Amino acid sequence: MKSLLDFIVKPLDKRYDNEIKIGDNSLITNTSTEDFKSVSNKAIVVSTPSAYSTSIKEGDIVIIHHNVFRSFYDVRGKRKDSRSKFIDDLYFCSPDQIYLYGSNENWKAFQNRCFVKPLLDTNDLTLDKERKLIGILKYGNSSLEAARITPGDLVGYTPYGEFEFVVDGERLYCMKSNDIVIKYEYKGDEIENNPRWASSS
C-alpha cells in the first residue's frame, strides 16, 4: 500500500495530545477539538511515496503539521476528519507537512526546515520575555551547513516565518532555511528561554 506522492502515516500514540502528567495524576489541558495546540504532531511512517526516493524510511517517527490529524465541526455541528484522512487510523501526509524525522534525541530536519531555540530577554528596560528574531539553531540542514551555519550557532531570523513546536518537551521555532539571515557571535549573556514541558507519555 503506497501513495504516489504522499507519505502514509498513523499517530504515534493518539491524535490529540492534551494531557500532561503531574505526579501520579493526569491533567487535561484543553477540551477543544479544533484547537491546533492540542493536536498531536508525532506520527509513524507506514509507507513512503512510490514516485521518488526519500531519506525517510518506513517505521521512522516524524514531526508533522497539526492539520494532518486535526478534526473539526462543520456548519451542522457534525464532527469531521481532516482531508488527510485515508482509512482507519491512516493519513496521507505531503512532504511539506513533515518537519523532523528520526527518534527522541536523534532528530533530523527534513528538506529545507530548521529549528531554533528561543532566548530569554534579560533587558530590564523591556517587558518582553523573549529576545525577538534571535535564537540558537537546534536542528539545521544541508543548505545551512553549506553556509557554515550549524547546530549551536547563534542566529537571527526574519519575522513571521517561524511557528512553535514542542519537541521532546522543548519549545522550538520551526522555519525554513532562507528565514535564517545572519550568524552572530556569542556575547556570553545568552540564556535559553526553553523550560522543558511535562510529557503526556
N, C-alpha and C. Protein backbone atom coordinates (compact mmCIF):
# COMPACT_ATOMS: atom_id res chain seq x y z
N MET A 1 0.84 -1.18 0.00
CA MET A 1 0.00 0.00 0.00
C MET A 1 0.89 1.24 0.00
N LYS A 2 0.94 1.93 -1.13
CA LYS A 2 1.75 3.13 -1.26
C LYS A 2 0.97 4.22 -1.99
N SER A 3 1.22 5.45 -1.58
CA SER A 3 0.70 6.60 -2.31
C SER A 3 1.74 7.02 -3.34
N LEU A 4 1.29 7.63 -4.41
CA LEU A 4 2.22 8.06 -5.46
C LEU A 4 3.14 9.19 -4.95
N LEU A 5 2.57 10.22 -4.32
CA LEU A 5 3.33 11.40 -3.95
C LEU A 5 3.40 11.66 -2.45
N ASP A 6 2.49 11.09 -1.68
CA ASP A 6 2.41 11.38 -0.25
C ASP A 6 2.94 10.22 0.60
N PHE A 7 3.33 10.56 1.81
CA PHE A 7 3.61 9.56 2.83
C PHE A 7 2.27 9.10 3.42
N ILE A 8 2.23 7.88 3.91
CA ILE A 8 1.08 7.41 4.68
C ILE A 8 1.57 7.23 6.12
N VAL A 9 0.89 7.88 7.07
CA VAL A 9 1.33 7.87 8.46
C VAL A 9 0.16 7.50 9.37
N LYS A 10 0.51 7.16 10.60
CA LYS A 10 -0.50 6.96 11.64
C LYS A 10 -0.01 7.62 12.92
N PRO A 11 -0.91 8.00 13.82
CA PRO A 11 -0.48 8.65 15.06
C PRO A 11 0.48 7.76 15.85
N LEU A 12 1.50 8.37 16.43
CA LEU A 12 2.43 7.62 17.26
C LEU A 12 1.73 7.05 18.47
N ASP A 13 0.88 7.86 19.08
CA ASP A 13 0.14 7.41 20.26
C ASP A 13 -1.35 7.63 20.03
N LYS A 14 -1.75 8.89 20.00
CA LYS A 14 -3.15 9.23 19.73
C LYS A 14 -3.19 10.55 18.98
N ARG A 15 -4.35 10.88 18.43
CA ARG A 15 -4.47 12.06 17.58
C ARG A 15 -4.35 13.36 18.36
N TYR A 16 -4.82 13.35 19.60
CA TYR A 16 -4.78 14.57 20.40
C TYR A 16 -3.85 14.39 21.59
N ASP A 17 -3.07 15.43 21.86
CA ASP A 17 -2.09 15.39 22.93
C ASP A 17 -2.41 16.51 23.92
N ASN A 18 -3.50 16.32 24.67
CA ASN A 18 -3.99 17.36 25.56
C ASN A 18 -3.99 16.92 27.02
N GLU A 19 -3.04 16.06 27.35
CA GLU A 19 -2.96 15.53 28.70
C GLU A 19 -1.52 15.54 29.18
N ILE A 20 -1.30 16.06 30.40
CA ILE A 20 0.04 16.04 30.96
C ILE A 20 0.02 15.33 32.31
N LYS A 21 1.15 14.77 32.67
CA LYS A 21 1.30 14.06 33.93
C LYS A 21 1.81 15.02 35.00
N ILE A 22 1.16 15.04 36.14
CA ILE A 22 1.62 15.79 37.31
C ILE A 22 1.66 14.80 38.46
N GLY A 23 2.84 14.31 38.76
CA GLY A 23 2.97 13.24 39.75
C GLY A 23 2.29 11.99 39.25
N ASP A 24 1.35 11.46 40.04
CA ASP A 24 0.61 10.26 39.64
C ASP A 24 -0.71 10.59 38.96
N ASN A 25 -0.98 11.88 38.78
CA ASN A 25 -2.25 12.31 38.22
C ASN A 25 -2.08 12.83 36.79
N SER A 26 -3.18 12.83 36.05
CA SER A 26 -3.21 13.37 34.69
C SER A 26 -4.09 14.61 34.68
N LEU A 27 -3.64 15.61 33.90
CA LEU A 27 -4.39 16.86 33.79
C LEU A 27 -4.73 17.10 32.33
N ILE A 28 -6.03 17.30 32.04
CA ILE A 28 -6.48 17.64 30.69
C ILE A 28 -6.25 19.13 30.49
N THR A 29 -5.41 19.48 29.50
CA THR A 29 -5.05 20.88 29.30
C THR A 29 -6.00 21.61 28.36
N ASN A 30 -6.74 20.88 27.52
CA ASN A 30 -7.65 21.53 26.59
C ASN A 30 -8.68 20.51 26.12
N THR A 31 -9.94 20.92 26.11
CA THR A 31 -11.01 20.01 25.68
C THR A 31 -11.56 20.37 24.31
N SER A 32 -10.99 21.39 23.67
CA SER A 32 -11.48 21.83 22.36
C SER A 32 -10.91 20.96 21.26
N THR A 33 -11.77 20.38 20.46
CA THR A 33 -11.35 19.52 19.35
C THR A 33 -10.58 20.31 18.29
N GLU A 34 -10.97 21.55 18.09
CA GLU A 34 -10.42 22.31 16.97
C GLU A 34 -9.17 23.11 17.32
N ASP A 35 -8.77 23.14 18.58
CA ASP A 35 -7.58 23.88 18.98
C ASP A 35 -6.34 23.14 18.48
N PHE A 36 -5.58 23.78 17.59
CA PHE A 36 -4.44 23.11 16.97
C PHE A 36 -3.36 22.75 17.96
N LYS A 37 -3.27 23.49 19.08
CA LYS A 37 -2.21 23.22 20.05
C LYS A 37 -2.41 21.89 20.77
N SER A 38 -3.61 21.35 20.71
CA SER A 38 -3.89 20.07 21.36
C SER A 38 -3.73 18.88 20.43
N VAL A 39 -3.52 19.14 19.15
CA VAL A 39 -3.41 18.05 18.18
C VAL A 39 -2.00 17.47 18.22
N SER A 40 -1.90 16.17 18.26
CA SER A 40 -0.60 15.52 18.26
C SER A 40 0.09 15.74 16.91
N ASN A 41 1.40 15.97 16.95
CA ASN A 41 2.14 16.11 15.69
C ASN A 41 3.24 15.06 15.55
N LYS A 42 3.13 13.97 16.31
CA LYS A 42 4.06 12.86 16.16
C LYS A 42 3.37 11.70 15.46
N ALA A 43 4.05 11.17 14.45
CA ALA A 43 3.46 10.08 13.66
C ALA A 43 4.51 9.04 13.32
N ILE A 44 4.03 7.87 12.93
CA ILE A 44 4.90 6.80 12.44
C ILE A 44 4.65 6.63 10.95
N VAL A 45 5.72 6.53 10.18
CA VAL A 45 5.58 6.37 8.73
C VAL A 45 5.23 4.92 8.41
N VAL A 46 4.09 4.75 7.77
CA VAL A 46 3.63 3.41 7.37
C VAL A 46 4.16 3.07 5.98
N SER A 47 4.16 4.06 5.08
CA SER A 47 4.73 3.84 3.75
C SER A 47 5.23 5.16 3.19
N THR A 48 6.20 5.06 2.30
CA THR A 48 6.80 6.24 1.67
C THR A 48 6.27 6.38 0.25
N PRO A 49 6.37 7.55 -0.37
CA PRO A 49 5.86 7.74 -1.74
C PRO A 49 6.56 6.82 -2.74
N SER A 50 5.83 6.38 -3.73
CA SER A 50 6.40 5.49 -4.73
C SER A 50 7.04 6.24 -5.89
N ALA A 51 6.77 7.55 -6.01
CA ALA A 51 7.25 8.30 -7.18
C ALA A 51 8.69 8.76 -7.04
N TYR A 52 9.25 8.74 -5.82
CA TYR A 52 10.62 9.23 -5.62
C TYR A 52 11.19 8.61 -4.35
N SER A 53 12.51 8.67 -4.24
CA SER A 53 13.18 8.14 -3.05
C SER A 53 13.30 9.24 -2.02
N THR A 54 13.41 8.87 -0.77
CA THR A 54 13.48 9.82 0.33
C THR A 54 14.34 9.26 1.45
N SER A 55 14.91 10.15 2.25
CA SER A 55 15.73 9.72 3.39
C SER A 55 14.88 9.18 4.52
N ILE A 56 13.59 9.45 4.49
CA ILE A 56 12.67 8.91 5.50
C ILE A 56 12.28 7.49 5.11
N LYS A 57 12.32 6.60 6.09
CA LYS A 57 12.01 5.20 5.84
C LYS A 57 10.75 4.77 6.59
N GLU A 58 10.17 3.67 6.16
CA GLU A 58 9.02 3.10 6.87
C GLU A 58 9.43 2.77 8.30
N GLY A 59 8.56 3.14 9.23
CA GLY A 59 8.84 2.90 10.64
C GLY A 59 9.46 4.09 11.35
N ASP A 60 9.94 5.09 10.58
CA ASP A 60 10.51 6.30 11.20
C ASP A 60 9.42 7.09 11.92
N ILE A 61 9.83 7.77 12.97
CA ILE A 61 8.94 8.71 13.65
C ILE A 61 9.15 10.07 13.02
N VAL A 62 8.06 10.78 12.77
CA VAL A 62 8.14 12.10 12.14
C VAL A 62 7.34 13.12 12.94
N ILE A 63 7.82 14.37 12.90
CA ILE A 63 7.07 15.50 13.44
C ILE A 63 6.38 16.17 12.26
N ILE A 64 5.06 16.27 12.32
CA ILE A 64 4.27 16.70 11.17
C ILE A 64 3.40 17.92 11.50
N HIS A 65 2.77 18.46 10.49
CA HIS A 65 1.83 19.57 10.64
C HIS A 65 0.61 19.11 11.43
N HIS A 66 0.12 19.98 12.31
CA HIS A 66 -1.02 19.60 13.16
C HIS A 66 -2.31 19.36 12.37
N ASN A 67 -2.43 19.90 11.16
CA ASN A 67 -3.67 19.73 10.41
C ASN A 67 -3.87 18.31 9.89
N VAL A 68 -2.82 17.49 9.88
CA VAL A 68 -2.96 16.12 9.36
C VAL A 68 -3.95 15.34 10.22
N PHE A 69 -3.82 15.40 11.53
CA PHE A 69 -4.69 14.63 12.43
C PHE A 69 -5.88 15.44 12.95
N ARG A 70 -5.91 16.70 12.66
CA ARG A 70 -6.92 17.59 13.24
C ARG A 70 -8.32 17.29 12.72
N SER A 71 -9.31 17.34 13.59
CA SER A 71 -10.71 17.21 13.19
C SER A 71 -11.41 18.54 13.42
N PHE A 72 -12.61 18.67 12.89
CA PHE A 72 -13.34 19.93 13.01
C PHE A 72 -14.84 19.64 12.95
N TYR A 73 -15.64 20.65 13.24
CA TYR A 73 -17.09 20.55 13.15
C TYR A 73 -17.59 21.37 11.97
N ASP A 74 -18.46 20.77 11.16
CA ASP A 74 -19.00 21.51 10.01
C ASP A 74 -20.13 22.43 10.46
N VAL A 75 -20.78 23.09 9.50
CA VAL A 75 -21.82 24.07 9.84
C VAL A 75 -23.03 23.43 10.51
N ARG A 76 -23.18 22.12 10.36
CA ARG A 76 -24.29 21.40 11.01
C ARG A 76 -23.90 20.84 12.37
N GLY A 77 -22.65 21.11 12.78
CA GLY A 77 -22.20 20.62 14.08
C GLY A 77 -21.72 19.18 14.05
N LYS A 78 -21.52 18.64 12.83
CA LYS A 78 -21.06 17.26 12.71
C LYS A 78 -19.53 17.24 12.68
N ARG A 79 -18.96 16.35 13.50
CA ARG A 79 -17.51 16.26 13.55
C ARG A 79 -16.97 15.54 12.31
N LYS A 80 -15.93 16.12 11.71
CA LYS A 80 -15.35 15.54 10.51
C LYS A 80 -13.83 15.46 10.64
N ASP A 81 -13.27 14.49 9.94
CA ASP A 81 -11.81 14.36 9.92
C ASP A 81 -11.22 15.31 8.89
N SER A 82 -9.92 15.50 8.99
CA SER A 82 -9.24 16.36 8.02
C SER A 82 -9.23 15.70 6.64
N ARG A 83 -8.88 16.47 5.63
CA ARG A 83 -8.80 15.95 4.27
C ARG A 83 -7.69 14.92 4.11
N SER A 84 -6.81 14.86 5.11
CA SER A 84 -5.70 13.92 5.05
C SER A 84 -6.11 12.49 5.41
N LYS A 85 -7.29 12.33 5.96
CA LYS A 85 -7.73 11.01 6.41
C LYS A 85 -7.80 10.03 5.24
N PHE A 86 -7.23 8.83 5.45
CA PHE A 86 -7.26 7.78 4.44
C PHE A 86 -8.27 6.72 4.87
N ILE A 87 -7.84 5.75 5.64
CA ILE A 87 -8.73 4.75 6.21
C ILE A 87 -8.27 4.42 7.62
N ASP A 88 -9.21 4.01 8.45
CA ASP A 88 -8.91 3.64 9.84
C ASP A 88 -8.07 4.72 10.51
N ASP A 89 -6.87 4.35 11.00
CA ASP A 89 -6.02 5.35 11.65
C ASP A 89 -4.88 5.78 10.73
N LEU A 90 -5.06 5.67 9.42
CA LEU A 90 -4.04 6.04 8.45
C LEU A 90 -4.38 7.38 7.79
N TYR A 91 -3.32 8.18 7.53
CA TYR A 91 -3.49 9.52 6.98
C TYR A 91 -2.44 9.77 5.90
N PHE A 92 -2.83 10.53 4.87
CA PHE A 92 -1.87 11.00 3.88
C PHE A 92 -1.14 12.20 4.45
N CYS A 93 0.14 12.30 4.15
CA CYS A 93 0.95 13.42 4.63
C CYS A 93 1.91 13.83 3.52
N SER A 94 1.76 15.04 3.01
CA SER A 94 2.63 15.51 1.94
C SER A 94 4.01 15.84 2.49
N PRO A 95 5.04 15.82 1.65
CA PRO A 95 6.41 16.11 2.13
C PRO A 95 6.55 17.45 2.83
N ASP A 96 5.80 18.46 2.38
CA ASP A 96 5.93 19.78 3.02
C ASP A 96 5.20 19.87 4.36
N GLN A 97 4.57 18.78 4.78
CA GLN A 97 3.95 18.72 6.10
C GLN A 97 4.81 17.96 7.10
N ILE A 98 6.01 17.56 6.69
CA ILE A 98 6.94 16.85 7.58
C ILE A 98 8.11 17.78 7.88
N TYR A 99 8.46 17.88 9.16
CA TYR A 99 9.49 18.83 9.58
C TYR A 99 10.73 18.16 10.19
N LEU A 100 10.53 17.10 10.92
CA LEU A 100 11.64 16.35 11.52
C LEU A 100 11.37 14.87 11.35
N TYR A 101 12.45 14.08 11.32
CA TYR A 101 12.28 12.63 11.33
C TYR A 101 13.40 12.01 12.14
N GLY A 102 13.18 10.81 12.60
CA GLY A 102 14.18 10.11 13.41
C GLY A 102 13.57 9.56 14.66
N SER A 103 14.12 9.93 15.82
CA SER A 103 13.62 9.45 17.10
C SER A 103 14.01 10.43 18.18
N ASN A 104 13.56 10.18 19.39
CA ASN A 104 13.87 11.07 20.50
C ASN A 104 15.36 11.30 20.63
N GLU A 105 15.75 12.57 20.76
CA GLU A 105 17.15 12.98 20.92
C GLU A 105 18.01 12.70 19.67
N ASN A 106 17.40 12.26 18.59
CA ASN A 106 18.17 11.98 17.37
C ASN A 106 17.39 12.44 16.14
N TRP A 107 16.88 13.65 16.22
CA TRP A 107 16.05 14.17 15.14
C TRP A 107 16.90 14.76 14.02
N LYS A 108 16.36 14.69 12.80
CA LYS A 108 16.98 15.32 11.64
C LYS A 108 15.92 16.16 10.94
N ALA A 109 16.29 17.39 10.58
CA ALA A 109 15.35 18.25 9.86
C ALA A 109 15.13 17.69 8.45
N PHE A 110 13.91 17.85 7.97
CA PHE A 110 13.55 17.32 6.65
C PHE A 110 13.49 18.44 5.63
N GLN A 111 14.12 18.21 4.50
CA GLN A 111 14.18 19.15 3.39
C GLN A 111 14.73 20.50 3.85
N ASN A 112 13.98 21.58 3.66
CA ASN A 112 14.54 22.92 3.94
C ASN A 112 14.10 23.46 5.30
N ARG A 113 13.68 22.59 6.20
CA ARG A 113 13.24 23.05 7.52
C ARG A 113 14.40 23.11 8.50
N CYS A 114 14.25 23.95 9.52
CA CYS A 114 15.22 24.02 10.60
C CYS A 114 14.49 24.48 11.86
N PHE A 115 15.13 24.29 13.01
CA PHE A 115 14.50 24.62 14.29
C PHE A 115 15.46 25.45 15.14
N VAL A 116 14.90 26.47 15.81
CA VAL A 116 15.68 27.41 16.60
C VAL A 116 15.14 27.48 18.03
N LYS A 117 16.05 27.48 19.01
CA LYS A 117 15.66 27.67 20.41
C LYS A 117 15.54 29.16 20.71
N PRO A 118 14.46 29.57 21.37
CA PRO A 118 14.34 30.98 21.75
C PRO A 118 15.26 31.32 22.93
N LEU A 119 15.52 32.62 23.09
CA LEU A 119 16.36 33.12 24.18
C LEU A 119 15.56 34.04 25.09
N LEU A 120 15.90 34.02 26.38
CA LEU A 120 15.30 34.94 27.33
C LEU A 120 15.73 36.37 27.02
N ASP A 121 14.80 37.31 27.19
CA ASP A 121 15.15 38.72 27.10
C ASP A 121 15.54 39.19 28.50
N THR A 122 16.81 39.49 28.70
CA THR A 122 17.31 39.88 30.02
C THR A 122 17.40 41.39 30.18
N ASN A 123 16.87 42.13 29.22
CA ASN A 123 16.89 43.59 29.27
C ASN A 123 15.83 44.08 30.26
N ASP A 124 16.26 44.73 31.33
CA ASP A 124 15.33 45.22 32.35
C ASP A 124 14.44 46.36 31.86
N LEU A 125 14.77 46.93 30.72
CA LEU A 125 14.02 48.08 30.22
C LEU A 125 12.86 47.69 29.32
N THR A 126 12.66 46.39 29.10
CA THR A 126 11.54 45.93 28.28
C THR A 126 10.68 44.96 29.08
N LEU A 127 9.46 44.76 28.61
CA LEU A 127 8.57 43.78 29.22
C LEU A 127 8.56 42.46 28.45
N ASP A 128 9.37 42.41 27.40
CA ASP A 128 9.42 41.20 26.59
C ASP A 128 10.05 40.06 27.37
N LYS A 129 9.48 38.88 27.26
CA LYS A 129 10.03 37.70 27.92
C LYS A 129 11.07 37.01 27.04
N GLU A 130 11.04 37.35 25.76
CA GLU A 130 11.86 36.63 24.81
C GLU A 130 12.55 37.61 23.86
N ARG A 131 13.79 37.32 23.51
CA ARG A 131 14.50 38.15 22.55
C ARG A 131 13.89 37.94 21.17
N LYS A 132 13.68 39.02 20.48
CA LYS A 132 12.99 38.95 19.19
C LYS A 132 13.96 38.59 18.06
N LEU A 133 13.53 37.60 17.25
CA LEU A 133 14.20 37.26 16.00
C LEU A 133 15.66 36.83 16.18
N ILE A 134 15.95 36.20 17.31
CA ILE A 134 17.29 35.67 17.55
C ILE A 134 17.17 34.42 18.41
N GLY A 135 18.00 33.43 18.14
CA GLY A 135 17.96 32.19 18.91
C GLY A 135 19.14 31.31 18.58
N ILE A 136 19.11 30.11 19.11
CA ILE A 136 20.19 29.14 18.91
C ILE A 136 19.69 28.03 18.00
N LEU A 137 20.41 27.78 16.92
CA LEU A 137 20.00 26.73 15.99
C LEU A 137 20.07 25.37 16.67
N LYS A 138 18.95 24.66 16.69
CA LYS A 138 18.89 23.34 17.30
C LYS A 138 19.03 22.24 16.26
N TYR A 139 18.26 22.32 15.19
CA TYR A 139 18.32 21.35 14.10
C TYR A 139 18.49 22.11 12.78
N GLY A 140 19.58 21.85 12.09
CA GLY A 140 19.85 22.51 10.82
C GLY A 140 19.61 21.58 9.65
N ASN A 141 20.18 21.94 8.49
CA ASN A 141 20.05 21.12 7.30
C ASN A 141 21.24 21.37 6.39
N SER A 142 21.28 20.70 5.27
CA SER A 142 22.46 20.76 4.39
C SER A 142 22.69 22.15 3.81
N SER A 143 21.62 22.88 3.50
CA SER A 143 21.81 24.21 2.93
C SER A 143 22.39 25.18 3.95
N LEU A 144 22.02 25.03 5.21
CA LEU A 144 22.62 25.87 6.25
C LEU A 144 24.07 25.47 6.49
N GLU A 145 24.35 24.17 6.44
CA GLU A 145 25.73 23.71 6.60
C GLU A 145 26.62 24.26 5.49
N ALA A 146 26.07 24.36 4.29
CA ALA A 146 26.84 24.92 3.18
C ALA A 146 27.18 26.38 3.42
N ALA A 147 26.33 27.06 4.22
CA ALA A 147 26.60 28.45 4.59
C ALA A 147 27.37 28.53 5.91
N ARG A 148 27.86 27.39 6.38
CA ARG A 148 28.64 27.29 7.62
C ARG A 148 27.84 27.72 8.84
N ILE A 149 26.57 27.35 8.84
CA ILE A 149 25.70 27.56 10.00
C ILE A 149 25.29 26.18 10.50
N THR A 150 25.67 25.86 11.71
CA THR A 150 25.46 24.52 12.25
C THR A 150 24.76 24.60 13.62
N PRO A 151 24.18 23.49 14.09
CA PRO A 151 23.53 23.48 15.41
C PRO A 151 24.44 24.03 16.50
N GLY A 152 23.87 24.87 17.35
CA GLY A 152 24.63 25.53 18.39
C GLY A 152 24.98 26.96 18.06
N ASP A 153 24.88 27.33 16.78
CA ASP A 153 25.19 28.70 16.37
C ASP A 153 24.08 29.66 16.79
N LEU A 154 24.47 30.88 17.09
CA LEU A 154 23.53 31.95 17.42
C LEU A 154 23.11 32.61 16.11
N VAL A 155 21.81 32.60 15.82
CA VAL A 155 21.33 33.05 14.51
C VAL A 155 20.21 34.07 14.65
N GLY A 156 20.07 34.89 13.63
CA GLY A 156 18.95 35.80 13.51
C GLY A 156 18.04 35.34 12.38
N TYR A 157 16.74 35.59 12.52
CA TYR A 157 15.79 35.13 11.50
C TYR A 157 14.74 36.20 11.23
N THR A 158 14.10 36.07 10.08
CA THR A 158 13.11 37.05 9.65
C THR A 158 11.80 36.87 10.41
N PRO A 159 11.00 37.93 10.55
CA PRO A 159 9.72 37.80 11.26
C PRO A 159 8.68 37.06 10.44
N TYR A 160 7.72 36.48 11.16
CA TYR A 160 6.51 35.86 10.61
C TYR A 160 6.75 34.54 9.87
N GLY A 161 7.98 34.05 9.83
CA GLY A 161 8.21 32.77 9.17
C GLY A 161 8.27 31.61 10.14
N GLU A 162 8.35 31.92 11.44
CA GLU A 162 8.52 30.88 12.44
C GLU A 162 7.18 30.46 13.03
N PHE A 163 7.09 29.18 13.44
CA PHE A 163 5.93 28.74 14.19
C PHE A 163 6.36 27.72 15.23
N GLU A 164 5.62 27.68 16.30
CA GLU A 164 6.05 26.99 17.52
C GLU A 164 5.76 25.49 17.49
N PHE A 165 6.75 24.72 17.96
CA PHE A 165 6.60 23.29 18.17
C PHE A 165 7.15 22.95 19.54
N VAL A 166 6.67 21.86 20.11
CA VAL A 166 7.28 21.30 21.31
C VAL A 166 7.84 19.94 20.91
N VAL A 167 9.17 19.81 20.99
CA VAL A 167 9.85 18.57 20.59
C VAL A 167 10.61 18.03 21.79
N ASP A 168 10.26 16.82 22.20
CA ASP A 168 10.87 16.22 23.39
C ASP A 168 10.81 17.16 24.59
N GLY A 169 9.67 17.85 24.73
CA GLY A 169 9.48 18.73 25.87
C GLY A 169 10.12 20.09 25.74
N GLU A 170 10.79 20.38 24.62
CA GLU A 170 11.43 21.67 24.41
C GLU A 170 10.63 22.51 23.42
N ARG A 171 10.42 23.77 23.75
CA ARG A 171 9.72 24.67 22.85
C ARG A 171 10.70 25.24 21.84
N LEU A 172 10.41 25.02 20.55
CA LEU A 172 11.30 25.44 19.47
C LEU A 172 10.49 26.16 18.41
N TYR A 173 11.18 26.96 17.61
CA TYR A 173 10.55 27.60 16.45
C TYR A 173 11.02 26.90 15.18
N CYS A 174 10.05 26.48 14.39
CA CYS A 174 10.34 25.86 13.09
C CYS A 174 10.26 26.94 12.01
N MET A 175 11.18 26.89 11.08
CA MET A 175 11.19 27.83 9.96
C MET A 175 11.92 27.21 8.78
N LYS A 176 12.02 27.93 7.68
CA LYS A 176 12.76 27.45 6.52
C LYS A 176 14.17 28.02 6.52
N SER A 177 15.04 27.38 5.77
CA SER A 177 16.44 27.79 5.72
C SER A 177 16.61 29.25 5.38
N ASN A 178 15.83 29.73 4.39
CA ASN A 178 16.02 31.11 3.96
C ASN A 178 15.46 32.13 4.94
N ASP A 179 14.83 31.66 6.03
CA ASP A 179 14.43 32.57 7.10
C ASP A 179 15.60 32.91 8.00
N ILE A 180 16.65 32.08 7.99
CA ILE A 180 17.86 32.37 8.76
C ILE A 180 18.70 33.34 7.94
N VAL A 181 18.93 34.54 8.49
CA VAL A 181 19.57 35.59 7.67
C VAL A 181 20.93 36.03 8.20
N ILE A 182 21.30 35.65 9.42
CA ILE A 182 22.58 36.10 9.96
C ILE A 182 23.07 35.15 11.04
N LYS A 183 24.38 35.05 11.16
CA LYS A 183 25.01 34.28 12.23
C LYS A 183 25.75 35.27 13.13
N TYR A 184 25.43 35.23 14.44
CA TYR A 184 26.03 36.16 15.38
C TYR A 184 27.16 35.49 16.16
N GLU A 185 27.99 36.32 16.76
CA GLU A 185 28.98 35.85 17.73
C GLU A 185 28.33 35.89 19.11
N TYR A 186 28.64 34.90 19.93
CA TYR A 186 28.12 34.88 21.30
C TYR A 186 28.76 36.00 22.11
N LYS A 187 27.93 36.64 22.98
CA LYS A 187 28.44 37.67 23.89
C LYS A 187 28.59 37.14 25.31
N GLY A 188 27.99 35.99 25.58
CA GLY A 188 28.10 35.39 26.91
C GLY A 188 26.92 35.65 27.81
N ASP A 189 25.95 36.46 27.35
CA ASP A 189 24.78 36.75 28.19
C ASP A 189 23.52 36.05 27.67
N GLU A 190 23.69 35.11 26.76
CA GLU A 190 22.54 34.42 26.16
C GLU A 190 22.01 33.35 27.12
N ILE A 191 20.70 33.36 27.36
CA ILE A 191 20.06 32.36 28.22
C ILE A 191 18.88 31.78 27.45
N GLU A 192 18.83 30.47 27.33
CA GLU A 192 17.74 29.83 26.61
C GLU A 192 16.42 30.05 27.33
N ASN A 193 15.40 30.47 26.60
CA ASN A 193 14.05 30.58 27.13
C ASN A 193 13.32 29.30 26.79
N ASN A 194 13.72 28.25 27.45
CA ASN A 194 13.30 26.93 26.97
C ASN A 194 13.08 25.94 28.10
N PRO A 195 12.14 26.22 29.02
CA PRO A 195 11.87 25.23 30.05
C PRO A 195 11.30 23.96 29.45
N ARG A 196 11.69 22.82 29.99
CA ARG A 196 11.16 21.56 29.47
C ARG A 196 9.74 21.37 29.95
N TRP A 197 8.86 21.03 29.01
CA TRP A 197 7.47 20.83 29.32
C TRP A 197 7.24 19.41 29.80
N ALA A 198 6.18 19.25 30.61
CA ALA A 198 5.82 17.89 31.06
C ALA A 198 5.34 17.10 29.88
N SER A 199 5.64 15.83 29.87
CA SER A 199 5.25 14.96 28.77
C SER A 199 3.99 14.21 29.11
N SER A 200 3.19 13.92 28.09
CA SER A 200 1.95 13.15 28.31
C SER A 200 2.21 11.66 28.34
N SER A 201 3.46 11.25 28.03
CA SER A 201 3.77 9.83 27.99
C SER A 201 4.38 9.39 29.29
